[in-house]
PDB file of N, CA and C in Angstrom:
ATOM      1  N   MET A   1     103.093  80.059  94.227  1.00  0.00           N
ATOM      2  CA  MET A   1     103.627  81.520  93.799  1.00  0.00           C
ATOM      3  C   MET A   1     102.582  82.494  94.165  1.00  0.00           C
ATOM      4  N   ALA A   2     102.897  83.524  94.670  1.00  0.00           N
ATOM      5  CA  ALA A   2     101.868  84.552  95.054  1.00  0.00           C
ATOM      6  C   ALA A   2     101.027  84.950  94.056  1.00  0.00           C
ATOM      7  N   SER A   3     101.492  85.198  92.953  1.00  0.00           N
ATOM      8  CA  SER A   3     100.656  85.663  91.751  1.00  0.00           C
ATOM      9  C   SER A   3      99.616  84.645  91.511  1.00  0.00           C
ATOM     10  N   ASP A   4      99.909  83.328  91.496  1.00  0.00           N
ATOM     11  CA  ASP A   4      98.918  82.300  91.324  1.00  0.00           C
ATOM     12  C   ASP A   4      97.906  82.307  92.406  1.00  0.00           C
ATOM     13  N   ARG A   5      98.317  82.447  93.571  1.00  0.00           N
ATOM     14  CA  ARG A   5      97.219  82.507  94.720  1.00  0.00           C
ATOM     15  C   ARG A   5      96.289  83.654  94.461  1.00  0.00           C
ATOM     16  N   LYS A   6      96.845  84.829  94.124  1.00  0.00           N
ATOM     17  CA  LYS A   6      96.100  86.072  93.876  1.00  0.00           C
ATOM     18  C   LYS A   6      95.041  85.817  92.814  1.00  0.00           C
ATOM     19  N   ARG A   7      95.554  85.178  91.721  1.00  0.00           N
ATOM     20  CA  ARG A   7      94.530  84.794  90.573  1.00  0.00           C
ATOM     21  C   ARG A   7      93.484  83.967  91.065  1.00  0.00           C
ATOM     22  N   GLN A   8      93.885  82.829  91.738  1.00  0.00           N
ATOM     23  CA  GLN A   8      92.919  81.953  92.313  1.00  0.00           C
ATOM     24  C   GLN A   8      91.626  82.784  93.186  1.00  0.00           C
ATOM     25  N   ILE A   9      92.221  83.772  93.995  1.00  0.00           N
ATOM     26  CA  ILE A   9      91.116  84.506  94.858  1.00  0.00           C
ATOM     27  C   ILE A   9      90.327  85.383  93.896  1.00  0.00           C
ATOM     28  N   ILE A  10      90.975  86.077  92.794  1.00  0.00           N
ATOM     29  CA  ILE A  10      90.153  86.834  91.965  1.00  0.00           C
ATOM     30  C   ILE A  10      89.102  85.947  91.159  1.00  0.00           C
ATOM     31  N   GLU A  11      89.613  84.780  90.650  1.00  0.00           N
ATOM     32  CA  GLU A  11      88.562  83.819  90.096  1.00  0.00           C
ATOM     33  C   GLU A  11      87.468  83.430  90.898  1.00  0.00           C
ATOM     34  N   ALA A  12      87.784  83.109  92.107  1.00  0.00           N
ATOM     35  CA  ALA A  12      86.805  82.816  93.217  1.00  0.00           C
ATOM     36  C   ALA A  12      85.875  83.877  93.383  1.00  0.00           C
ATOM     37  N   ALA A  13      86.423  85.022  93.612  1.00  0.00           N
ATOM     38  CA  ALA A  13      85.538  86.096  93.785  1.00  0.00           C
ATOM     39  C   ALA A  13      84.506  86.375  92.586  1.00  0.00           C
ATOM     40  N   THR A  14      85.019  86.192  91.487  1.00  0.00           N
ATOM     41  CA  THR A  14      84.214  86.490  90.287  1.00  0.00           C
ATOM     42  C   THR A  14      83.163  85.402  90.256  1.00  0.00           C
ATOM     43  N   GLN A  15      83.511  84.254  90.627  1.00  0.00           N
ATOM     44  CA  GLN A  15      82.384  83.169  90.666  1.00  0.00           C
ATOM     45  C   GLN A  15      81.348  83.511  91.647  1.00  0.00           C
ATOM     46  N   SER A  16      81.849  83.859  92.736  1.00  0.00           N
ATOM     47  CA  SER A  16      80.869  84.151  93.856  1.00  0.00           C
ATOM     48  C   SER A  16      80.004  85.458  93.564  1.00  0.00           C
ATOM     49  N   PHE A  17      80.613  86.426  92.962  1.00  0.00           N
ATOM     50  CA  PHE A  17      79.774  87.661  92.679  1.00  0.00           C
ATOM     51  C   PHE A  17      78.817  87.252  91.565  1.00  0.00           C
ATOM     52  N   ALA A  18      79.093  86.403  90.629  1.00  0.00           N
ATOM     53  CA  ALA A  18      78.197  85.873  89.604  1.00  0.00           C
ATOM     54  C   ALA A  18      77.114  85.170  90.253  1.00  0.00           C
ATOM     55  N   ALA A  19      77.345  84.271  91.230  1.00  0.00           N
ATOM     56  CA  ALA A  19      76.293  83.302  91.777  1.00  0.00           C
ATOM     57  C   ALA A  19      75.466  84.103  92.818  1.00  0.00           C
ATOM     58  N   PHE A  20      75.970  85.037  93.616  1.00  0.00           N
ATOM     59  CA  PHE A  20      75.314  85.518  94.734  1.00  0.00           C
ATOM     60  C   PHE A  20      75.234  87.007  94.731  1.00  0.00           C
ATOM     61  N   GLY A  21      75.829  87.622  93.905  1.00  0.00           N
ATOM     62  CA  GLY A  21      75.800  89.216  93.857  1.00  0.00           C
ATOM     63  C   GLY A  21      76.840  89.754  94.781  1.00  0.00           C
ATOM     64  N   TYR A  22      77.310  90.881  94.501  1.00  0.00           N
ATOM     65  CA  TYR A  22      78.262  91.589  95.271  1.00  0.00           C
ATOM     66  C   TYR A  22      78.007  91.683  96.885  1.00  0.00           C
ATOM     67  N   LYS A  23      76.609  92.100  97.142  1.00  0.00           N
ATOM     68  CA  LYS A  23      76.409  92.327  98.542  1.00  0.00           C
ATOM     69  C   LYS A  23      76.337  91.012  99.393  1.00  0.00           C
ATOM     70  N   ALA A  24      75.917  89.769  98.746  1.00  0.00           N
ATOM     71  CA  ALA A  24      75.692  88.578  99.343  1.00  0.00           C
ATOM     72  C   ALA A  24      77.007  87.703  99.374  1.00  0.00           C
ATOM     73  N   THR A  25      78.030  88.203  98.708  1.00  0.00           N
ATOM     74  CA  THR A  25      79.326  87.600  98.718  1.00  0.00           C
ATOM     75  C   THR A  25      80.021  87.813  99.981  1.00  0.00           C
ATOM     76  N   THR A  26      80.608  86.853 100.613  1.00  0.00           N
ATOM     77  CA  THR A  26      81.373  86.986 101.848  1.00  0.00           C
ATOM     78  C   THR A  26      82.762  86.664 101.603  1.00  0.00           C
ATOM     79  N   MET A  27      83.648  87.105 102.412  1.00  0.00           N
ATOM     80  CA  MET A  27      85.106  86.797 102.322  1.00  0.00           C
ATOM     81  C   MET A  27      85.275  85.200 102.650  1.00  0.00           C
ATOM     82  N   GLU A  28      84.357  84.649 103.605  1.00  0.00           N
ATOM     83  CA  GLU A  28      84.367  83.192 103.758  1.00  0.00           C
ATOM     84  C   GLU A  28      84.035  82.431 102.567  1.00  0.00           C
ATOM     85  N   GLN A  29      83.015  82.802 101.765  1.00  0.00           N
ATOM     86  CA  GLN A  29      82.749  82.134 100.456  1.00  0.00           C
ATOM     87  C   GLN A  29      83.932  82.217  99.588  1.00  0.00           C
ATOM     88  N   ILE A  30      84.456  83.332  99.493  1.00  0.00           N
ATOM     89  CA  ILE A  30      85.699  83.534  98.377  1.00  0.00           C
ATOM     90  C   ILE A  30      86.793  82.623  98.868  1.00  0.00           C
ATOM     91  N   ALA A  31      87.062  82.642 100.096  1.00  0.00           N
ATOM     92  CA  ALA A  31      88.188  81.804 100.612  1.00  0.00           C
ATOM     93  C   ALA A  31      87.888  80.371 100.339  1.00  0.00           C
ATOM     94  N   LYS A  32      86.556  79.817 100.615  1.00  0.00           N
ATOM     95  CA  LYS A  32      86.323  78.403 100.434  1.00  0.00           C
ATOM     96  C   LYS A  32      86.484  78.126  98.957  1.00  0.00           C
ATOM     97  N   LEU A  33      85.913  78.895  98.137  1.00  0.00           N
ATOM     98  CA  LEU A  33      86.069  78.699  96.520  1.00  0.00           C
ATOM     99  C   LEU A  33      87.535  78.760  96.077  1.00  0.00           C
ATOM    100  N   ALA A  34      88.338  79.562  96.736  1.00  0.00           N
ATOM    101  CA  ALA A  34      89.732  79.652  96.394  1.00  0.00           C
ATOM    102  C   ALA A  34      90.652  78.612  96.967  1.00  0.00           C
ATOM    103  N   ASN A  35      90.095  77.851  98.009  1.00  0.00           N
ATOM    104  CA  ASN A  35      90.770  76.903  98.755  1.00  0.00           C
ATOM    105  C   ASN A  35      91.994  77.646  99.428  1.00  0.00           C
ATOM    106  N   VAL A  36      91.651  78.720 100.071  1.00  0.00           N
ATOM    107  CA  VAL A  36      92.686  79.443 100.810  1.00  0.00           C
ATOM    108  C   VAL A  36      92.112  79.912 102.154  1.00  0.00           C
ATOM    109  N   GLY A  37      92.898  80.345 103.188  1.00  0.00           N
ATOM    110  CA  GLY A  37      92.365  80.858 104.448  1.00  0.00           C
ATOM    111  C   GLY A  37      91.897  82.414 104.112  1.00  0.00           C
ATOM    112  N   LYS A  38      91.098  82.714 105.107  1.00  0.00           N
ATOM    113  CA  LYS A  38      90.471  83.999 105.007  1.00  0.00           C
ATOM    114  C   LYS A  38      91.529  85.159 105.067  1.00  0.00           C
ATOM    115  N   GLY A  39      92.511  84.754 105.861  1.00  0.00           N
ATOM    116  CA  GLY A  39      93.698  85.680 106.128  1.00  0.00           C
ATOM    117  C   GLY A  39      94.661  85.956 104.824  1.00  0.00           C
ATOM    118  N   THR A  40      94.677  84.803 104.030  1.00  0.00           N
ATOM    119  CA  THR A  40      95.325  84.959 102.885  1.00  0.00           C
ATOM    120  C   THR A  40      94.762  86.092 101.943  1.00  0.00           C
ATOM    121  N   ILE A  41      93.361  86.082 101.891  1.00  0.00           N
ATOM    122  CA  ILE A  41      92.663  87.092 101.074  1.00  0.00           C
ATOM    123  C   ILE A  41      93.248  88.476 101.459  1.00  0.00           C
ATOM    124  N   TYR A  42      93.299  88.806 102.796  1.00  0.00           N
ATOM    125  CA  TYR A  42      93.519  89.882 103.250  1.00  0.00           C
ATOM    126  C   TYR A  42      94.961  90.365 103.084  1.00  0.00           C
ATOM    127  N   THR A  43      95.931  89.339 102.829  1.00  0.00           N
ATOM    128  CA  THR A  43      97.274  89.504 102.463  1.00  0.00           C
ATOM    129  C   THR A  43      97.433  90.306 101.062  1.00  0.00           C
ATOM    130  N   PHE A  44      96.331  89.961 100.167  1.00  0.00           N
ATOM    131  CA  PHE A  44      96.480  90.578  98.896  1.00  0.00           C
ATOM    132  C   PHE A  44      95.457  91.726  98.729  1.00  0.00           C
ATOM    133  N   PHE A  45      94.290  91.695  99.498  1.00  0.00           N
ATOM    134  CA  PHE A  45      93.287  92.789  99.346  1.00  0.00           C
ATOM    135  C   PHE A  45      92.662  93.074 100.679  1.00  0.00           C
ATOM    136  N   SER A  46      92.738  94.409 100.860  1.00  0.00           N
ATOM    137  CA  SER A  46      92.202  95.085 102.175  1.00  0.00           C
ATOM    138  C   SER A  46      90.566  95.155 102.197  1.00  0.00           C
ATOM    139  N   VAL A  47      90.038  95.004 101.020  1.00  0.00           N
ATOM    140  CA  VAL A  47      88.612  95.129 100.992  1.00  0.00           C
ATOM    141  C   VAL A  47      88.040  94.226  99.956  1.00  0.00           C
ATOM    142  N   LYS A  48      86.803  94.021  99.927  1.00  0.00           N
ATOM    143  CA  LYS A  48      86.057  93.158  98.775  1.00  0.00           C
ATOM    144  C   LYS A  48      86.390  93.708  97.522  1.00  0.00           C
ATOM    145  N   ILE A  49      86.735  92.824  96.580  1.00  0.00           N
ATOM    146  CA  ILE A  49      87.099  93.206  95.225  1.00  0.00           C
ATOM    147  C   ILE A  49      85.773  93.358  94.374  1.00  0.00           C
ATOM    148  N   PRO A  50      85.520  94.508  93.798  1.00  0.00           N
ATOM    149  CA  PRO A  50      84.297  94.575  93.073  1.00  0.00           C
ATOM    150  C   PRO A  50      84.465  94.079  91.683  1.00  0.00           C
TER     151      PRO A  50
END
Protein backbone atom coordinates (compact mmCIF):
# COMPACT_ATOMS: atom_id res chain seq x y z
CA MET A 1 0.00 0.00 0.00
CA ALA A 2 1.26 3.50 -0.83
CA SER A 3 0.88 4.82 2.72
CA ASP A 4 3.03 1.95 4.04
CA ARG A 5 5.76 2.69 1.52
CA LYS A 6 5.66 6.41 2.38
CA ARG A 7 5.96 5.53 6.07
CA GLN A 8 8.96 3.28 5.29
CA ILE A 9 10.65 6.16 3.49
CA ILE A 10 10.01 8.59 6.35
CA GLU A 11 11.38 6.11 8.89
CA ALA A 12 14.47 5.49 6.75
CA ALA A 13 15.04 9.22 6.35
CA THR A 14 14.72 9.72 10.10
CA GLN A 15 17.30 7.00 10.73
CA SER A 16 19.68 8.44 8.16
CA PHE A 17 19.33 11.99 9.48
CA ALA A 18 20.05 10.73 13.00
CA ALA A 19 23.12 8.79 11.88
CA PHE A 20 24.63 11.13 9.28
CA GLY A 21 22.93 14.51 9.70
CA TYR A 22 20.70 16.28 7.22
CA LYS A 23 23.46 17.54 4.93
CA ALA A 24 25.26 14.21 4.68
CA THR A 25 22.11 12.16 4.04
CA THR A 26 21.56 11.25 0.41
CA MET A 27 18.49 10.01 -1.40
CA GLU A 28 20.48 6.85 -2.19
CA GLN A 29 20.98 6.17 1.54
CA ILE A 30 17.30 6.71 2.25
CA ALA A 31 16.30 4.43 -0.65
CA LYS A 32 18.65 1.69 0.55
CA LEU A 33 17.38 1.88 4.14
CA ALA A 34 13.76 1.91 2.98
CA ASN A 35 14.41 -0.91 0.50
CA VAL A 36 12.88 1.06 -2.37
CA GLY A 37 14.17 2.55 -5.59
CA LYS A 38 15.25 6.18 -5.58
CA GLY A 39 12.45 6.98 -8.03
CA THR A 40 9.91 5.73 -5.50
CA ILE A 41 11.04 8.42 -3.07
CA TYR A 42 10.49 11.11 -5.70
CA THR A 43 6.96 9.76 -6.23
CA PHE A 44 6.12 10.83 -2.67
CA PHE A 45 8.58 13.69 -2.05
CA SER A 46 10.07 16.21 -4.46
CA VAL A 47 12.78 17.32 -1.99
CA LYS A 48 14.69 15.90 0.97
CA ILE A 49 12.41 15.63 3.97
CA PRO A 50 13.71 17.65 6.91
